C-alpha atoms as a PDB file:
ATOM      1  CA  SER A   1     -15.312   3.191  17.573  1.00  0.00           C
ATOM      2  CA  SER A   2     -12.446   1.495  19.321  1.00  0.00           C
ATOM      3  CA  ILE A   3      -9.394   0.029  17.573  1.00  0.00           C
ATOM      4  CA  PHE A   4      -9.302  -2.716  20.167  1.00  0.00           C
ATOM      5  CA  PRO A   5     -11.236  -6.002  20.114  1.00  0.00           C
ATOM      6  CA  SER A   6     -14.677  -5.727  21.692  1.00  0.00           C
ATOM      7  CA  HIS A   7     -13.488  -7.350  24.939  1.00  0.00           C
ATOM      8  CA  VAL A   8     -10.588  -4.859  25.345  1.00  0.00           C
ATOM      9  CA  GLU A   9     -11.327  -1.248  26.228  1.00  0.00           C
ATOM     10  CA  THR A  10      -8.005   0.483  26.933  1.00  0.00           C
ATOM     11  CA  LEU A  11      -4.430   0.496  25.648  1.00  0.00           C
ATOM     12  CA  PRO A  12      -3.004  -0.749  28.967  1.00  0.00           C
ATOM     13  CA  GLU A  13      -5.515  -3.613  28.971  1.00  0.00           C
ATOM     14  CA  PHE A  14      -4.595  -4.412  25.358  1.00  0.00           C
ATOM     15  CA  MET A  15      -0.870  -4.337  26.197  1.00  0.00           C
ATOM     16  CA  MET A  16      -1.403  -6.678  29.159  1.00  0.00           C
ATOM     17  CA  GLN A  17      -3.315  -9.152  26.986  1.00  0.00           C
ATOM     18  CA  ALA A  18      -0.694  -8.911  24.206  1.00  0.00           C
ATOM     19  CA  ALA A  19       2.089  -9.581  26.715  1.00  0.00           C
ATOM     20  CA  ALA A  20       0.280 -12.692  27.946  1.00  0.00           C
ATOM     21  CA  VAL A  21       0.188 -14.501  24.583  1.00  0.00           C
ATOM     22  CA  SER A  22       2.849 -17.020  23.587  1.00  0.00           C
ATOM     23  CA  ARG A  23       3.292 -15.557  20.066  1.00  0.00           C
ATOM     24  CA  LEU A  24       2.423 -12.123  18.764  1.00  0.00           C
ATOM     25  CA  LEU A  25       1.921 -10.937  15.196  1.00  0.00           C
ATOM     26  CA  VAL A  26       2.346  -7.191  14.739  1.00  0.00           C
ATOM     27  CA  ALA A  27       0.974  -6.280  11.287  1.00  0.00           C
ATOM     28  CA  LEU A  28       1.321  -2.637  10.313  1.00  0.00           C
ATOM     29  CA  ASP A  29       0.413  -0.524   7.303  1.00  0.00           C
ATOM     30  CA  TYR A  30       3.129   1.771   5.966  1.00  0.00           C
ATOM     31  CA  ASP A  31       1.471   5.004   4.760  1.00  0.00           C
ATOM     32  CA  GLY A  32      -0.563   6.688   7.455  1.00  0.00           C
ATOM     33  CA  THR A  33       0.574   4.268  10.174  1.00  0.00           C
ATOM     34  CA  LEU A  34       4.362   3.953  10.228  1.00  0.00           C
ATOM     35  CA  VAL A  35       4.843   7.211   8.344  1.00  0.00           C
ATOM     36  CA  PRO A  36       2.500  10.166   7.924  1.00  0.00           C
ATOM     37  CA  ILE A  37       0.661  10.553   4.619  1.00  0.00           C
ATOM     38  CA  ALA A  38       2.838  12.754   2.401  1.00  0.00           C
ATOM     39  CA  SER A  39       1.946  15.015  -0.510  1.00  0.00           C
ATOM     40  CA  ARG A  40       4.096  12.849  -2.771  1.00  0.00           C
ATOM     41  CA  PRO A  41       4.601   9.100  -2.217  1.00  0.00           C
ATOM     42  CA  GLU A  42       8.389   9.428  -2.403  1.00  0.00           C
ATOM     43  CA  ASP A  43       8.335  11.893   0.514  1.00  0.00           C
ATOM     44  CA  ALA A  44       6.866   9.347   2.966  1.00  0.00           C
ATOM     45  CA  ARG A  45      10.033   8.104   4.681  1.00  0.00           C
ATOM     46  CA  PRO A  46      10.413   6.366   8.040  1.00  0.00           C
ATOM     47  CA  THR A  47      12.206   8.155  10.836  1.00  0.00           C
ATOM     48  CA  VAL A  48      15.176   6.677  12.674  1.00  0.00           C
ATOM     49  CA  THR A  49      12.839   6.181  15.649  1.00  0.00           C
ATOM     50  CA  VAL A  50      10.412   4.076  13.586  1.00  0.00           C
ATOM     51  CA  LEU A  51      13.252   1.969  12.188  1.00  0.00           C
ATOM     52  CA  ASP A  52      14.650   1.456  15.684  1.00  0.00           C
ATOM     53  CA  LEU A  53      11.252   0.423  17.084  1.00  0.00           C
ATOM     54  CA  LEU A  54      10.739  -2.069  14.249  1.00  0.00           C
ATOM     55  CA  LEU A  55      14.195  -3.517  14.817  1.00  0.00           C
ATOM     56  CA  ARG A  56      13.447  -3.913  18.531  1.00  0.00           C
ATOM     57  CA  LEU A  57      10.138  -5.631  17.734  1.00  0.00           C
ATOM     58  CA  VAL A  58      11.802  -8.015  15.265  1.00  0.00           C
ATOM     59  CA  ARG A  59      14.395  -8.959  17.884  1.00  0.00           C
ATOM     60  CA  ALA A  60      11.764  -9.605  20.570  1.00  0.00           C
ATOM     61  CA  PRO A  61      11.231 -13.295  21.243  1.00  0.00           C
ATOM     62  CA  GLU A  62       8.054 -14.848  19.824  1.00  0.00           C
ATOM     63  CA  VAL A  63       7.107 -11.680  17.890  1.00  0.00           C
ATOM     64  CA  THR A  64       6.540 -11.644  14.120  1.00  0.00           C
ATOM     65  CA  VAL A  65       6.431  -8.258  12.384  1.00  0.00           C
ATOM     66  CA  ALA A  66       4.625  -7.855   9.054  1.00  0.00           C
ATOM     67  CA  ILE A  67       4.298  -4.729   6.949  1.00  0.00           C
ATOM     68  CA  VAL A  68       1.193  -4.678   4.753  1.00  0.00           C
ATOM     69  CA  SER A  69       0.984  -1.987   2.095  1.00  0.00           C
ATOM     70  CA  GLY A  70      -0.244  -0.933  -1.297  1.00  0.00           C
ATOM     71  CA  ARG A  71       3.361  -0.090  -2.145  1.00  0.00           C
ATOM     72  CA  PRO A  72       5.337  -2.525  -4.289  1.00  0.00           C
ATOM     73  CA  LEU A  73       7.378  -5.101  -2.412  1.00  0.00           C
ATOM     74  CA  THR A  74      10.748  -3.842  -3.673  1.00  0.00           C
ATOM     75  CA  GLU A  75       9.927  -0.338  -2.455  1.00  0.00           C
ATOM     76  CA  LEU A  76       8.773  -1.557   0.972  1.00  0.00           C
ATOM     77  CA  ARG A  77      11.930  -3.582   1.458  1.00  0.00           C
ATOM     78  CA  ALA A  78      14.080  -0.593   0.480  1.00  0.00           C
ATOM     79  CA  LEU A  79      12.200   1.766   2.821  1.00  0.00           C
ATOM     80  CA  LEU A  80      12.291  -0.675   5.751  1.00  0.00           C
ATOM     81  CA  PRO A  81      15.514  -2.669   5.291  1.00  0.00           C
ATOM     82  CA  ILE A  82      15.226  -4.724   8.457  1.00  0.00           C
ATOM     83  CA  GLN A  83      16.016  -8.405   8.341  1.00  0.00           C
ATOM     84  CA  GLY A  84      13.279 -10.473   9.944  1.00  0.00           C
ATOM     85  CA  ILE A  85      10.256  -8.500   8.739  1.00  0.00           C
ATOM     86  CA  ALA A  86       7.569 -10.153   6.593  1.00  0.00           C
ATOM     87  CA  TYR A  87       6.395  -7.859   3.772  1.00  0.00           C
ATOM     88  CA  ILE A  88       3.080  -7.895   1.935  1.00  0.00           C
ATOM     89  CA  GLY A  89       3.059  -5.464  -0.996  1.00  0.00           C
ATOM     90  CA  THR A  90       0.724  -4.208  -3.696  1.00  0.00           C
ATOM     91  CA  HIS A  91      -2.350  -4.843  -1.545  1.00  0.00           C
ATOM     92  CA  GLY A  92      -1.502  -8.519  -1.137  1.00  0.00           C
ATOM     93  CA  LEU A  93      -0.364  -9.337  -4.689  1.00  0.00           C
ATOM     94  CA  GLU A  94       3.241  -9.777  -3.513  1.00  0.00           C
ATOM     95  CA  VAL A  95       4.354 -11.607  -0.381  1.00  0.00           C
ATOM     96  CA  CYS A  96       7.803 -11.924   1.174  1.00  0.00           C
ATOM     97  CA  PRO A  97       7.809 -13.882   4.436  1.00  0.00           C
ATOM     98  CA  VAL A  98      10.614 -13.606   6.966  1.00  0.00           C
ATOM     99  CA  ASP A  99      12.626 -16.230   5.052  1.00  0.00           C
ATOM    100  CA  GLY A 100      12.884 -13.821   2.090  1.00  0.00           C
ATOM    101  CA  LYS A 101      11.240 -16.077  -0.515  1.00  0.00           C
ATOM    102  CA  VAL A 102       9.130 -13.728  -2.666  1.00  0.00           C
ATOM    103  CA  THR A 103       5.810 -14.960  -4.047  1.00  0.00           C
ATOM    104  CA  SER A 104       3.654 -13.105  -6.541  1.00  0.00           C
ATOM    105  CA  LEU A 105      -0.003 -14.022  -6.677  1.00  0.00           C
ATOM    106  CA  LEU A 106      -0.101 -13.067 -10.361  1.00  0.00           C
ATOM    107  CA  PRO A 107       1.720 -15.099 -12.973  1.00  0.00           C
ATOM    108  CA  ARG A 108       4.737 -13.250 -14.411  1.00  0.00           C
ATOM    109  CA  GLY A 109       3.583 -10.989 -17.233  1.00  0.00           C
ATOM    110  CA  ALA A 110      -0.137 -11.343 -16.450  1.00  0.00           C
ATOM    111  CA  PHE A 111      -1.959  -8.086 -17.129  1.00  0.00           C
ATOM    112  CA  SER A 112       1.305  -6.386 -18.173  1.00  0.00           C
ATOM    113  CA  THR A 113      -0.003  -5.339 -21.616  1.00  0.00           C
ATOM    114  CA  ILE A 114      -3.242  -4.016 -20.143  1.00  0.00           C
ATOM    115  CA  LEU A 115      -1.404  -2.130 -17.375  1.00  0.00           C
ATOM    116  CA  ILE A 116       0.948  -0.560 -19.956  1.00  0.00           C
ATOM    117  CA  LYS A 117      -2.058   0.650 -21.958  1.00  0.00           C
ATOM    118  CA  LEU A 118      -3.829   1.817 -18.808  1.00  0.00           C
ATOM    119  CA  ARG A 119      -0.754   3.802 -17.687  1.00  0.00           C
ATOM    120  CA  ARG A 120      -0.508   5.420 -21.122  1.00  0.00           C
ATOM    121  CA  GLN A 121      -4.205   6.371 -21.049  1.00  0.00           C
ATOM    122  CA  LEU A 122      -3.852   7.785 -17.554  1.00  0.00           C
ATOM    123  CA  LYS A 123      -0.756   9.824 -18.408  1.00  0.00           C
ATOM    124  CA  ASP A 124      -2.620  11.295 -21.389  1.00  0.00           C
ATOM    125  CA  ILE A 125      -5.441  12.617 -19.197  1.00  0.00           C
ATOM    126  CA  VAL A 126      -3.219  14.012 -16.408  1.00  0.00           C
ATOM    127  CA  LYS A 127      -0.410  15.660 -18.382  1.00  0.00           C
ATOM    128  CA  LYS A 128      -2.172  19.048 -18.408  1.00  0.00           C
ATOM    129  CA  ILE A 129      -3.475  18.917 -14.825  1.00  0.00           C
ATOM    130  CA  PRO A 130      -1.087  20.339 -12.219  1.00  0.00           C
ATOM    131  CA  GLY A 131      -0.813  18.532  -8.909  1.00  0.00           C
ATOM    132  CA  VAL A 132      -1.830  15.088 -10.171  1.00  0.00           C
ATOM    133  CA  ILE A 133       0.757  12.327  -9.889  1.00  0.00           C
ATOM    134  CA  VAL A 134       0.649   8.962 -11.633  1.00  0.00           C
ATOM    135  CA  GLU A 135       2.515   6.317  -9.653  1.00  0.00           C
ATOM    136  CA  ASP A 136       3.570   3.211 -11.519  1.00  0.00           C
ATOM    137  CA  LYS A 137       3.682   0.396  -8.969  1.00  0.00           C
ATOM    138  CA  GLY A 138       4.521  -2.359 -11.410  1.00  0.00           C
ATOM    139  CA  GLN A 139       1.449  -4.529 -10.849  1.00  0.00           C
ATOM    140  CA  SER A 140      -0.813  -1.562 -10.196  1.00  0.00           C
ATOM    141  CA  VAL A 141      -1.267   2.105 -11.084  1.00  0.00           C
ATOM    142  CA  ALA A 142      -2.149   4.857  -8.612  1.00  0.00           C
ATOM    143  CA  LEU A 143      -3.484   8.338  -9.271  1.00  0.00           C
ATOM    144  CA  HIS A 144      -2.564  10.794  -6.486  1.00  0.00           C
ATOM    145  CA  TYR A 145      -4.535  14.043  -6.487  1.00  0.00           C
ATOM    146  CA  ARG A 146      -3.652  15.565  -3.103  1.00  0.00           C
ATOM    147  CA  LEU A 147      -1.866  18.527  -4.727  1.00  0.00           C
ATOM    148  CA  ALA A 148      -4.508  19.243  -7.394  1.00  0.00           C
ATOM    149  CA  GLN A 149      -7.281  21.815  -7.245  1.00  0.00           C
ATOM    150  CA  PRO A 150     -10.499  20.133  -6.008  1.00  0.00           C
ATOM    151  CA  GLU A 151     -12.476  20.576  -9.253  1.00  0.00           C
ATOM    152  CA  ALA A 152      -9.587  19.363 -11.414  1.00  0.00           C
ATOM    153  CA  ALA A 153      -9.065  16.396  -9.080  1.00  0.00           C
ATOM    154  CA  LYS A 154     -12.745  15.465  -9.285  1.00  0.00           C
ATOM    155  CA  GLN A 155     -12.595  15.616 -13.085  1.00  0.00           C
ATOM    156  CA  VAL A 156      -9.429  13.535 -13.464  1.00  0.00           C
ATOM    157  CA  VAL A 157     -10.667  10.878 -11.023  1.00  0.00           C
ATOM    158  CA  ALA A 158     -13.924  10.588 -13.000  1.00  0.00           C
ATOM    159  CA  GLN A 159     -11.946  10.186 -16.247  1.00  0.00           C
ATOM    160  CA  PHE A 160      -9.672   7.596 -14.657  1.00  0.00           C
ATOM    161  CA  LEU A 161     -12.629   5.588 -13.353  1.00  0.00           C
ATOM    162  CA  ALA A 162     -14.287   5.755 -16.802  1.00  0.00           C
ATOM    163  CA  ILE A 163     -11.127   4.308 -18.387  1.00  0.00           C
ATOM    164  CA  VAL A 164     -11.023   1.502 -15.816  1.00  0.00           C
ATOM    165  CA  ARG A 165     -14.734   0.774 -16.344  1.00  0.00           C
ATOM    166  CA  GLY A 166     -14.023   0.503 -20.082  1.00  0.00           C
ATOM    167  CA  TRP A 167     -11.478  -2.239 -19.387  1.00  0.00           C
ATOM    168  CA  GLN A 168     -13.807  -3.951 -16.912  1.00  0.00           C
ATOM    169  CA  VAL A 169     -16.626  -3.990 -19.485  1.00  0.00           C
ATOM    170  CA  LYS A 170     -14.241  -5.811 -21.837  1.00  0.00           C
ATOM    171  CA  GLY A 171     -13.890  -8.509 -19.183  1.00  0.00           C
ATOM    172  CA  VAL A 172     -10.576  -7.429 -17.647  1.00  0.00           C
ATOM    173  CA  ALA A 173     -10.590  -8.253 -13.916  1.00  0.00           C
ATOM    174  CA  LEU A 174      -9.464  -4.934 -12.410  1.00  0.00           C
ATOM    175  CA  GLU A 175     -10.198  -3.668  -8.921  1.00  0.00           C
ATOM    176  CA  VAL A 176     -10.325  -0.008  -7.888  1.00  0.00           C
ATOM    177  CA  LEU A 177      -9.219   1.049  -4.418  1.00  0.00           C
ATOM    178  CA  HIS A 178      -9.951   4.509  -3.032  1.00  0.00           C
ATOM    179  CA  GLY A 179      -7.591   5.947  -0.423  1.00  0.00           C
ATOM    180  CA  LYS A 180      -6.731   9.328   1.040  1.00  0.00           C
ATOM    181  CA  LYS A 181      -6.659  11.469  -2.115  1.00  0.00           C
ATOM    182  CA  VAL A 182      -5.538   8.493  -4.201  1.00  0.00           C
ATOM    183  CA  VAL A 183      -7.277   6.052  -6.516  1.00  0.00           C
ATOM    184  CA  GLU A 184      -5.499   2.839  -7.423  1.00  0.00           C
ATOM    185  CA  VAL A 185      -6.257   0.064  -9.862  1.00  0.00           C
ATOM    186  CA  HIS A 186      -4.792  -3.412  -9.855  1.00  0.00           C
ATOM    187  CA  PRO A 187      -5.702  -6.856 -11.157  1.00  0.00           C
ATOM    188  CA  VAL A 188      -8.163  -8.777  -9.024  1.00  0.00           C
END
């Protein structure tokens, strides 16, 4: 299937239509779009070329650049320190428009006790499994299993999902997101 709207069939045609609009929003994901997926989250860094292209886009008249990611807002801003970018972190839980005023969609401290317990439970099940990484994202927790053996990864993901289901059964509003060899949980 095409990445373009149904009425646009080619990149040149898309570029011509984009150039014809009075304002343009360029919204990009970080992992897998601006940077390749890495074995470890901390290894996914933007190149100088990517930073230069983003800077050029930000400086273009009538263009707004937004980075949308599952990464925490503070991490996104540190990885892409370009003034004039709007950032949306933690799958939409945190928003920082171009003016720099950060908004969190969760009240401060909401779910913090549950996420602390969830992190502890997760660390207990992964401590003996090589290649599994627990990423604490502040308002969410991610389990990366790219480096684990397939059978071990399958087992740890099943255990993780069982823990999350246990919290959900108790009425805790948690959402599970599946990505490329990663499972993440965050408050709804």
